[in-house]
N, C-alpha and C. Protein backbone atom coordinates (compact mmCIF):
# COMPACT_ATOMS: atom_id res chain seq x y z
N MET A 1 2.59 1.73 18.03
CA MET A 1 3.53 0.65 17.89
C MET A 1 4.81 1.14 17.21
N VAL A 2 4.66 1.86 16.10
CA VAL A 2 5.82 2.34 15.37
C VAL A 2 6.67 3.23 16.27
N GLN A 3 6.04 4.10 17.02
CA GLN A 3 6.78 5.00 17.91
C GLN A 3 7.55 4.22 18.97
N LYS A 4 6.95 3.18 19.52
CA LYS A 4 7.64 2.37 20.55
C LYS A 4 8.86 1.69 19.96
N LEU A 5 8.75 1.21 18.73
CA LEU A 5 9.90 0.59 18.08
C LEU A 5 10.99 1.61 17.80
N LYS A 6 10.59 2.79 17.35
CA LYS A 6 11.57 3.85 17.07
C LYS A 6 12.30 4.27 18.34
N GLU A 7 11.59 4.28 19.48
CA GLU A 7 12.21 4.61 20.75
C GLU A 7 13.30 3.60 21.12
N GLN A 8 13.21 2.40 20.56
CA GLN A 8 14.22 1.36 20.79
C GLN A 8 15.25 1.35 19.66
N ASN A 9 15.28 2.43 18.88
CA ASN A 9 16.21 2.58 17.75
C ASN A 9 16.02 1.50 16.68
N ILE A 10 14.78 1.12 16.46
CA ILE A 10 14.44 0.18 15.40
C ILE A 10 13.72 0.94 14.31
N GLU A 11 14.21 0.81 13.08
CA GLU A 11 13.57 1.48 11.95
C GLU A 11 12.25 0.77 11.65
N ALA A 12 11.14 1.50 11.80
CA ALA A 12 9.81 0.91 11.64
C ALA A 12 8.94 1.84 10.79
N TYR A 13 8.02 1.21 10.06
CA TYR A 13 7.14 1.98 9.17
C TYR A 13 5.80 1.26 9.05
N SER A 14 4.74 2.01 9.18
CA SER A 14 3.39 1.50 8.99
C SER A 14 2.63 2.52 8.13
N PRO A 15 2.39 2.20 6.86
CA PRO A 15 1.75 3.18 5.98
C PRO A 15 0.30 3.47 6.39
N VAL A 16 -0.08 4.73 6.24
CA VAL A 16 -1.44 5.14 6.59
C VAL A 16 -2.10 5.84 5.41
N VAL A 17 -3.41 5.86 5.45
CA VAL A 17 -4.19 6.63 4.49
C VAL A 17 -5.10 7.56 5.28
N LYS A 18 -5.34 8.73 4.72
CA LYS A 18 -6.22 9.70 5.38
C LYS A 18 -7.59 9.63 4.72
N LYS A 19 -8.62 9.55 5.56
CA LYS A 19 -9.99 9.51 5.07
C LYS A 19 -10.80 10.57 5.80
N LEU A 20 -11.70 11.20 5.07
CA LEU A 20 -12.56 12.20 5.67
C LEU A 20 -13.72 11.49 6.36
N GLN A 21 -13.80 11.64 7.67
CA GLN A 21 -14.86 11.01 8.46
C GLN A 21 -15.95 12.05 8.74
N GLN A 22 -17.18 11.63 8.62
CA GLN A 22 -18.33 12.52 8.86
C GLN A 22 -19.01 12.13 10.16
N TRP A 23 -19.12 13.08 11.08
CA TRP A 23 -19.91 12.92 12.27
C TRP A 23 -21.12 13.84 12.14
N SER A 24 -22.04 13.74 13.05
CA SER A 24 -23.25 14.56 12.94
C SER A 24 -22.95 16.06 13.03
N ASP A 25 -21.91 16.42 13.76
CA ASP A 25 -21.61 17.84 13.96
C ASP A 25 -20.35 18.34 13.25
N ARG A 26 -19.57 17.42 12.64
CA ARG A 26 -18.32 17.87 12.02
C ARG A 26 -17.75 16.82 11.08
N LYS A 27 -16.75 17.27 10.33
CA LYS A 27 -15.96 16.39 9.48
C LYS A 27 -14.52 16.51 9.93
N LYS A 28 -13.80 15.41 9.83
CA LYS A 28 -12.39 15.43 10.24
C LYS A 28 -11.62 14.39 9.44
N TRP A 29 -10.38 14.75 9.06
CA TRP A 29 -9.49 13.80 8.40
C TRP A 29 -8.90 12.89 9.45
N VAL A 30 -9.01 11.58 9.23
CA VAL A 30 -8.53 10.59 10.19
C VAL A 30 -7.58 9.64 9.47
N GLU A 31 -6.49 9.25 10.13
CA GLU A 31 -5.55 8.31 9.55
C GLU A 31 -5.93 6.88 9.91
N PHE A 32 -5.87 6.02 8.90
CA PHE A 32 -6.12 4.59 9.07
C PHE A 32 -4.94 3.82 8.49
N PRO A 33 -4.66 2.64 9.02
CA PRO A 33 -3.57 1.85 8.44
C PRO A 33 -3.92 1.42 7.01
N MET A 34 -2.95 1.53 6.11
CA MET A 34 -3.14 1.09 4.74
C MET A 34 -3.22 -0.44 4.69
N LEU A 35 -2.40 -1.09 5.48
CA LEU A 35 -2.38 -2.55 5.58
C LEU A 35 -2.55 -2.88 7.06
N SER A 36 -3.77 -3.09 7.45
CA SER A 36 -4.09 -3.29 8.86
C SER A 36 -3.28 -4.44 9.46
N GLY A 37 -2.66 -4.17 10.59
CA GLY A 37 -1.91 -5.19 11.31
C GLY A 37 -0.46 -5.33 10.89
N TYR A 38 -0.01 -4.56 9.91
CA TYR A 38 1.35 -4.67 9.42
C TYR A 38 2.20 -3.49 9.90
N VAL A 39 3.35 -3.79 10.45
CA VAL A 39 4.39 -2.81 10.73
C VAL A 39 5.66 -3.38 10.12
N PHE A 40 6.29 -2.62 9.25
CA PHE A 40 7.50 -3.06 8.58
C PHE A 40 8.71 -2.59 9.37
N VAL A 41 9.65 -3.48 9.58
CA VAL A 41 10.86 -3.12 10.31
C VAL A 41 12.08 -3.48 9.47
N LYS A 42 13.09 -2.65 9.62
CA LYS A 42 14.37 -2.91 8.96
C LYS A 42 15.36 -3.21 10.07
N ILE A 43 15.72 -4.48 10.18
CA ILE A 43 16.52 -4.90 11.33
C ILE A 43 17.66 -5.82 10.92
N ASP A 44 18.57 -5.94 11.83
CA ASP A 44 19.59 -6.97 11.78
C ASP A 44 18.96 -8.20 12.44
N ILE A 45 19.33 -9.37 12.01
CA ILE A 45 18.73 -10.60 12.53
C ILE A 45 18.85 -10.70 14.05
N THR A 46 19.87 -10.06 14.62
CA THR A 46 20.06 -10.10 16.07
C THR A 46 18.99 -9.31 16.83
N GLU A 47 18.25 -8.43 16.13
CA GLU A 47 17.22 -7.61 16.78
C GLU A 47 15.84 -8.28 16.76
N LYS A 48 15.75 -9.43 16.15
CA LYS A 48 14.47 -10.12 15.99
C LYS A 48 13.78 -10.38 17.34
N GLU A 49 14.51 -10.89 18.29
CA GLU A 49 13.95 -11.22 19.60
C GLU A 49 13.46 -9.96 20.32
N LYS A 50 14.19 -8.87 20.14
CA LYS A 50 13.83 -7.58 20.74
C LYS A 50 12.45 -7.14 20.25
N ILE A 51 12.18 -7.33 18.98
CA ILE A 51 10.90 -6.95 18.40
C ILE A 51 9.79 -7.88 18.88
N LEU A 52 10.07 -9.17 18.90
CA LEU A 52 9.05 -10.13 19.34
C LEU A 52 8.66 -9.94 20.80
N ASN A 53 9.52 -9.30 21.58
CA ASN A 53 9.21 -9.04 22.98
C ASN A 53 8.37 -7.78 23.19
N CYS A 54 8.13 -7.01 22.13
CA CYS A 54 7.26 -5.84 22.23
C CYS A 54 5.83 -6.31 22.48
N PRO A 55 5.11 -5.64 23.39
CA PRO A 55 3.77 -6.09 23.79
C PRO A 55 2.76 -6.28 22.65
N ALA A 56 2.77 -5.42 21.64
CA ALA A 56 1.75 -5.51 20.60
C ALA A 56 2.17 -6.36 19.39
N VAL A 57 3.37 -6.93 19.45
CA VAL A 57 3.85 -7.73 18.32
C VAL A 57 3.44 -9.18 18.53
N PHE A 58 2.82 -9.73 17.52
CA PHE A 58 2.39 -11.12 17.59
C PHE A 58 3.42 -12.04 16.96
N ALA A 59 3.84 -11.73 15.72
CA ALA A 59 4.80 -12.59 15.01
C ALA A 59 5.27 -11.88 13.75
N PHE A 60 6.28 -12.44 13.14
CA PHE A 60 6.71 -12.02 11.81
C PHE A 60 5.85 -12.78 10.80
N ILE A 61 5.49 -12.14 9.70
CA ILE A 61 4.71 -12.78 8.66
C ILE A 61 5.56 -13.84 7.97
N LYS A 62 4.97 -15.01 7.75
CA LYS A 62 5.68 -16.10 7.08
C LYS A 62 4.84 -16.65 5.94
N PHE A 63 5.52 -17.09 4.90
CA PHE A 63 4.91 -17.80 3.79
C PHE A 63 5.72 -19.07 3.59
N ASN A 64 5.05 -20.21 3.63
CA ASN A 64 5.73 -21.51 3.53
C ASN A 64 6.85 -21.63 4.56
N ASN A 65 6.57 -21.19 5.77
CA ASN A 65 7.51 -21.23 6.90
C ASN A 65 8.77 -20.40 6.70
N VAL A 66 8.73 -19.46 5.77
CA VAL A 66 9.86 -18.55 5.54
C VAL A 66 9.38 -17.13 5.84
N GLU A 67 10.14 -16.41 6.66
CA GLU A 67 9.75 -15.04 7.00
C GLU A 67 9.76 -14.16 5.76
N ALA A 68 8.68 -13.39 5.62
CA ALA A 68 8.54 -12.49 4.47
C ALA A 68 9.50 -11.33 4.60
N LYS A 69 10.07 -10.94 3.49
CA LYS A 69 10.95 -9.77 3.44
C LYS A 69 10.43 -8.86 2.34
N ILE A 70 9.94 -7.70 2.74
CA ILE A 70 9.42 -6.76 1.75
C ILE A 70 10.60 -6.06 1.09
N ARG A 71 10.50 -5.92 -0.21
CA ARG A 71 11.59 -5.27 -0.96
C ARG A 71 11.53 -3.76 -0.76
N ASP A 72 12.71 -3.12 -0.85
CA ASP A 72 12.78 -1.66 -0.70
C ASP A 72 11.88 -0.96 -1.71
N VAL A 73 11.79 -1.48 -2.92
CA VAL A 73 10.96 -0.85 -3.95
C VAL A 73 9.49 -0.89 -3.54
N GLU A 74 9.06 -1.93 -2.84
CA GLU A 74 7.68 -2.00 -2.39
C GLU A 74 7.42 -1.02 -1.25
N ILE A 75 8.38 -0.82 -0.38
CA ILE A 75 8.25 0.20 0.68
C ILE A 75 8.14 1.57 0.03
N GLU A 76 8.94 1.83 -1.00
CA GLU A 76 8.88 3.11 -1.70
C GLU A 76 7.52 3.30 -2.36
N ILE A 77 6.92 2.24 -2.89
CA ILE A 77 5.58 2.32 -3.47
C ILE A 77 4.58 2.74 -2.39
N LEU A 78 4.64 2.09 -1.25
CA LEU A 78 3.73 2.43 -0.15
C LEU A 78 3.91 3.88 0.28
N LYS A 79 5.15 4.32 0.41
CA LYS A 79 5.42 5.70 0.82
C LYS A 79 4.92 6.69 -0.23
N SER A 80 5.06 6.34 -1.50
CA SER A 80 4.60 7.20 -2.57
C SER A 80 3.08 7.34 -2.53
N ILE A 81 2.40 6.24 -2.35
CA ILE A 81 0.93 6.26 -2.27
C ILE A 81 0.50 7.07 -1.05
N GLU A 82 1.18 6.87 0.06
CA GLU A 82 0.86 7.59 1.29
C GLU A 82 1.07 9.10 1.11
N THR A 83 2.17 9.47 0.48
CA THR A 83 2.51 10.89 0.31
C THR A 83 1.65 11.56 -0.76
N ASN A 84 1.56 10.93 -1.92
CA ASN A 84 0.89 11.55 -3.06
C ASN A 84 -0.60 11.27 -3.12
N GLY A 85 -1.03 10.17 -2.58
CA GLY A 85 -2.44 9.84 -2.55
C GLY A 85 -3.02 9.44 -3.89
N TYR A 86 -2.54 10.03 -4.97
CA TYR A 86 -3.12 9.79 -6.29
C TYR A 86 -4.64 9.86 -6.22
N ASP A 87 -5.13 10.80 -5.44
CA ASP A 87 -6.57 10.93 -5.22
C ASP A 87 -7.16 11.89 -6.24
N VAL A 88 -7.35 11.42 -7.45
CA VAL A 88 -7.86 12.25 -8.54
C VAL A 88 -9.11 11.60 -9.09
N THR A 89 -10.18 12.35 -9.22
CA THR A 89 -11.43 11.82 -9.74
C THR A 89 -11.59 12.21 -11.20
N GLN A 90 -11.79 11.21 -12.06
CA GLN A 90 -12.01 11.46 -13.48
C GLN A 90 -12.96 10.41 -14.02
N ALA A 91 -13.47 10.67 -15.21
CA ALA A 91 -14.31 9.68 -15.88
C ALA A 91 -13.45 8.50 -16.28
N SER A 92 -14.10 7.35 -16.45
CA SER A 92 -13.35 6.13 -16.74
C SER A 92 -13.60 5.63 -18.15
N GLU A 93 -13.56 6.51 -19.11
CA GLU A 93 -13.79 6.14 -20.50
C GLU A 93 -12.72 5.16 -20.98
N GLY A 94 -13.16 4.11 -21.66
CA GLY A 94 -12.23 3.17 -22.26
C GLY A 94 -11.73 2.10 -21.31
N LEU A 95 -11.88 2.29 -20.02
CA LEU A 95 -11.44 1.29 -19.06
C LEU A 95 -12.63 0.46 -18.60
N LYS A 96 -12.37 -0.82 -18.38
CA LYS A 96 -13.41 -1.72 -17.90
C LYS A 96 -12.93 -2.42 -16.63
N LEU A 97 -13.89 -2.84 -15.84
CA LEU A 97 -13.59 -3.60 -14.65
C LEU A 97 -12.72 -4.80 -15.01
N LEU A 98 -11.69 -5.05 -14.22
CA LEU A 98 -10.75 -6.16 -14.37
C LEU A 98 -9.76 -6.00 -15.52
N ASP A 99 -9.75 -4.82 -16.17
CA ASP A 99 -8.71 -4.56 -17.17
C ASP A 99 -7.35 -4.58 -16.48
N GLU A 100 -6.38 -5.20 -17.13
CA GLU A 100 -5.00 -5.15 -16.66
C GLU A 100 -4.40 -3.86 -17.22
N VAL A 101 -3.81 -3.04 -16.34
CA VAL A 101 -3.28 -1.75 -16.76
C VAL A 101 -1.84 -1.58 -16.27
N GLU A 102 -1.15 -0.67 -16.94
CA GLU A 102 0.19 -0.27 -16.51
C GLU A 102 0.14 1.22 -16.22
N ILE A 103 0.81 1.63 -15.15
CA ILE A 103 0.89 3.04 -14.79
C ILE A 103 2.01 3.65 -15.61
N THR A 104 1.72 4.76 -16.30
CA THR A 104 2.66 5.31 -17.27
C THR A 104 3.41 6.55 -16.78
N GLN A 105 3.01 7.12 -15.65
CA GLN A 105 3.66 8.34 -15.17
C GLN A 105 3.78 8.30 -13.65
N GLY A 106 4.58 9.20 -13.13
CA GLY A 106 4.70 9.37 -11.69
C GLY A 106 5.62 8.35 -11.04
N GLN A 107 5.63 8.35 -9.73
CA GLN A 107 6.53 7.48 -8.97
C GLN A 107 6.15 6.01 -9.08
N LEU A 108 4.93 5.71 -9.49
CA LEU A 108 4.50 4.32 -9.65
C LEU A 108 4.65 3.83 -11.09
N LYS A 109 5.29 4.63 -11.93
CA LYS A 109 5.46 4.30 -13.35
C LYS A 109 6.03 2.89 -13.51
N GLY A 110 5.40 2.14 -14.42
CA GLY A 110 5.87 0.79 -14.71
C GLY A 110 5.17 -0.29 -13.92
N LEU A 111 4.51 0.08 -12.82
CA LEU A 111 3.79 -0.93 -12.05
C LEU A 111 2.54 -1.35 -12.81
N ARG A 112 2.17 -2.59 -12.62
CA ARG A 112 0.97 -3.11 -13.26
C ARG A 112 -0.06 -3.45 -12.20
N GLY A 113 -1.29 -3.34 -12.59
CA GLY A 113 -2.36 -3.66 -11.66
C GLY A 113 -3.62 -4.00 -12.40
N THR A 114 -4.69 -4.15 -11.66
CA THR A 114 -5.99 -4.53 -12.21
C THR A 114 -7.02 -3.50 -11.78
N ILE A 115 -7.88 -3.09 -12.70
CA ILE A 115 -8.98 -2.19 -12.36
C ILE A 115 -9.96 -2.99 -11.50
N VAL A 116 -10.17 -2.55 -10.27
CA VAL A 116 -11.05 -3.30 -9.36
C VAL A 116 -12.34 -2.55 -9.03
N GLN A 117 -12.43 -1.31 -9.45
CA GLN A 117 -13.66 -0.56 -9.21
C GLN A 117 -13.75 0.58 -10.21
N LEU A 118 -14.90 0.74 -10.79
CA LEU A 118 -15.12 1.86 -11.70
C LEU A 118 -16.48 2.49 -11.38
N GLN A 119 -16.43 3.60 -10.72
CA GLN A 119 -17.63 4.39 -10.45
C GLN A 119 -17.21 5.85 -10.46
N ASN A 120 -16.87 6.31 -11.66
CA ASN A 120 -16.29 7.64 -11.84
C ASN A 120 -14.92 7.77 -11.18
N LEU A 121 -14.39 6.68 -10.68
CA LEU A 121 -13.07 6.65 -10.08
C LEU A 121 -12.31 5.46 -10.65
N ASN A 122 -11.02 5.60 -10.81
CA ASN A 122 -10.21 4.49 -11.30
C ASN A 122 -9.40 3.93 -10.15
N TYR A 123 -9.87 2.84 -9.59
CA TYR A 123 -9.11 2.17 -8.55
C TYR A 123 -8.32 1.06 -9.19
N VAL A 124 -7.03 1.05 -8.94
CA VAL A 124 -6.16 0.01 -9.45
C VAL A 124 -5.64 -0.77 -8.25
N GLN A 125 -5.71 -2.08 -8.33
CA GLN A 125 -5.20 -2.91 -7.27
C GLN A 125 -3.77 -3.29 -7.62
N ILE A 126 -2.84 -2.99 -6.73
CA ILE A 126 -1.43 -3.28 -6.94
C ILE A 126 -1.02 -4.37 -5.97
N GLN A 127 -0.38 -5.39 -6.48
CA GLN A 127 0.07 -6.51 -5.65
C GLN A 127 1.48 -6.25 -5.14
N LEU A 128 1.67 -6.35 -3.83
CA LEU A 128 3.00 -6.30 -3.23
C LEU A 128 3.43 -7.76 -3.07
N GLU A 129 4.19 -8.23 -4.04
CA GLU A 129 4.48 -9.65 -4.16
C GLU A 129 5.16 -10.25 -2.93
N SER A 130 6.10 -9.55 -2.34
CA SER A 130 6.89 -10.17 -1.28
C SER A 130 6.11 -10.41 0.01
N ILE A 131 4.99 -9.71 0.20
CA ILE A 131 4.18 -9.94 1.40
C ILE A 131 2.78 -10.45 1.05
N HIS A 132 2.56 -10.77 -0.19
CA HIS A 132 1.28 -11.33 -0.64
C HIS A 132 0.09 -10.47 -0.22
N GLN A 133 0.23 -9.17 -0.37
CA GLN A 133 -0.84 -8.24 -0.06
C GLN A 133 -1.08 -7.34 -1.26
N SER A 134 -2.29 -6.87 -1.39
CA SER A 134 -2.56 -5.91 -2.44
C SER A 134 -3.23 -4.69 -1.83
N ILE A 135 -3.06 -3.57 -2.53
CA ILE A 135 -3.65 -2.32 -2.08
C ILE A 135 -4.38 -1.68 -3.25
N LYS A 136 -5.43 -0.93 -2.93
CA LYS A 136 -6.16 -0.20 -3.95
C LYS A 136 -5.70 1.24 -3.95
N VAL A 137 -5.43 1.76 -5.14
CA VAL A 137 -4.98 3.13 -5.29
C VAL A 137 -5.88 3.81 -6.32
N LYS A 138 -6.33 5.01 -6.00
CA LYS A 138 -7.14 5.78 -6.93
C LYS A 138 -6.20 6.57 -7.83
N LEU A 139 -6.29 6.33 -9.13
CA LEU A 139 -5.37 6.96 -10.09
C LEU A 139 -6.13 7.66 -11.20
N PRO A 140 -5.54 8.70 -11.77
CA PRO A 140 -6.19 9.36 -12.91
C PRO A 140 -6.11 8.47 -14.15
N GLN A 141 -7.17 8.49 -14.92
CA GLN A 141 -7.27 7.66 -16.12
C GLN A 141 -6.13 7.92 -17.10
N ASP A 142 -5.70 9.17 -17.20
CA ASP A 142 -4.73 9.49 -18.23
C ASP A 142 -3.32 8.94 -17.96
N ILE A 143 -3.09 8.33 -16.79
CA ILE A 143 -1.79 7.70 -16.57
C ILE A 143 -1.89 6.17 -16.59
N LEU A 144 -3.03 5.64 -17.01
CA LEU A 144 -3.22 4.19 -17.08
C LEU A 144 -3.25 3.76 -18.53
N LYS A 145 -2.54 2.70 -18.84
CA LYS A 145 -2.50 2.14 -20.19
C LYS A 145 -2.97 0.69 -20.10
N ILE A 146 -3.98 0.35 -20.88
CA ILE A 146 -4.50 -1.02 -20.88
C ILE A 146 -3.43 -1.94 -21.45
N GLN A 147 -3.20 -3.04 -20.75
CA GLN A 147 -2.22 -4.04 -21.18
C GLN A 147 -2.89 -4.98 -22.19
N THR A 148 -2.23 -5.23 -23.27
CA THR A 148 -2.75 -6.18 -24.26
C THR A 148 -2.00 -7.47 -24.10
N SER A 149 -2.72 -8.58 -24.18
CA SER A 149 -2.06 -9.88 -24.01
C SER A 149 -1.39 -10.25 -25.34
N VAL A 150 -0.24 -10.91 -25.20
CA VAL A 150 0.51 -11.34 -26.38
C VAL A 150 0.28 -12.82 -26.55
N ASN A 151 -0.26 -13.22 -27.72
CA ASN A 151 -0.53 -14.64 -27.98
C ASN A 151 0.43 -15.18 -28.98
């Protein structure tokens, strides 16, 4: 889909994650969509009809009848996760399930999320506010800071 849009000179992006798939005779890295069913386009309003006429396009995402617009910073977050992976395995000392944390280093510095899984891995769920979607990212413990509530 992304390639077809690019062939029409439309800037399109669909983030992917690589996962190691195991078959009986081999292992292979396979790409999967990070946000299944989403392709982000950067267009002028006049190109909207052109995109809707593409065979695999169903509609633009809407919330309260308003088309969603993902912020550039959120696209950069997706690209950073896609590029860097943050695929580091460490012990999860001091962190608990559902802890609110802030990322203290790297390209995701300053983002906040919630610990959604702890099994020797630190998965943080990050909310992409403008499209009402969240993604899980595996991060090293030493770049996570537990958020304390202010009363």
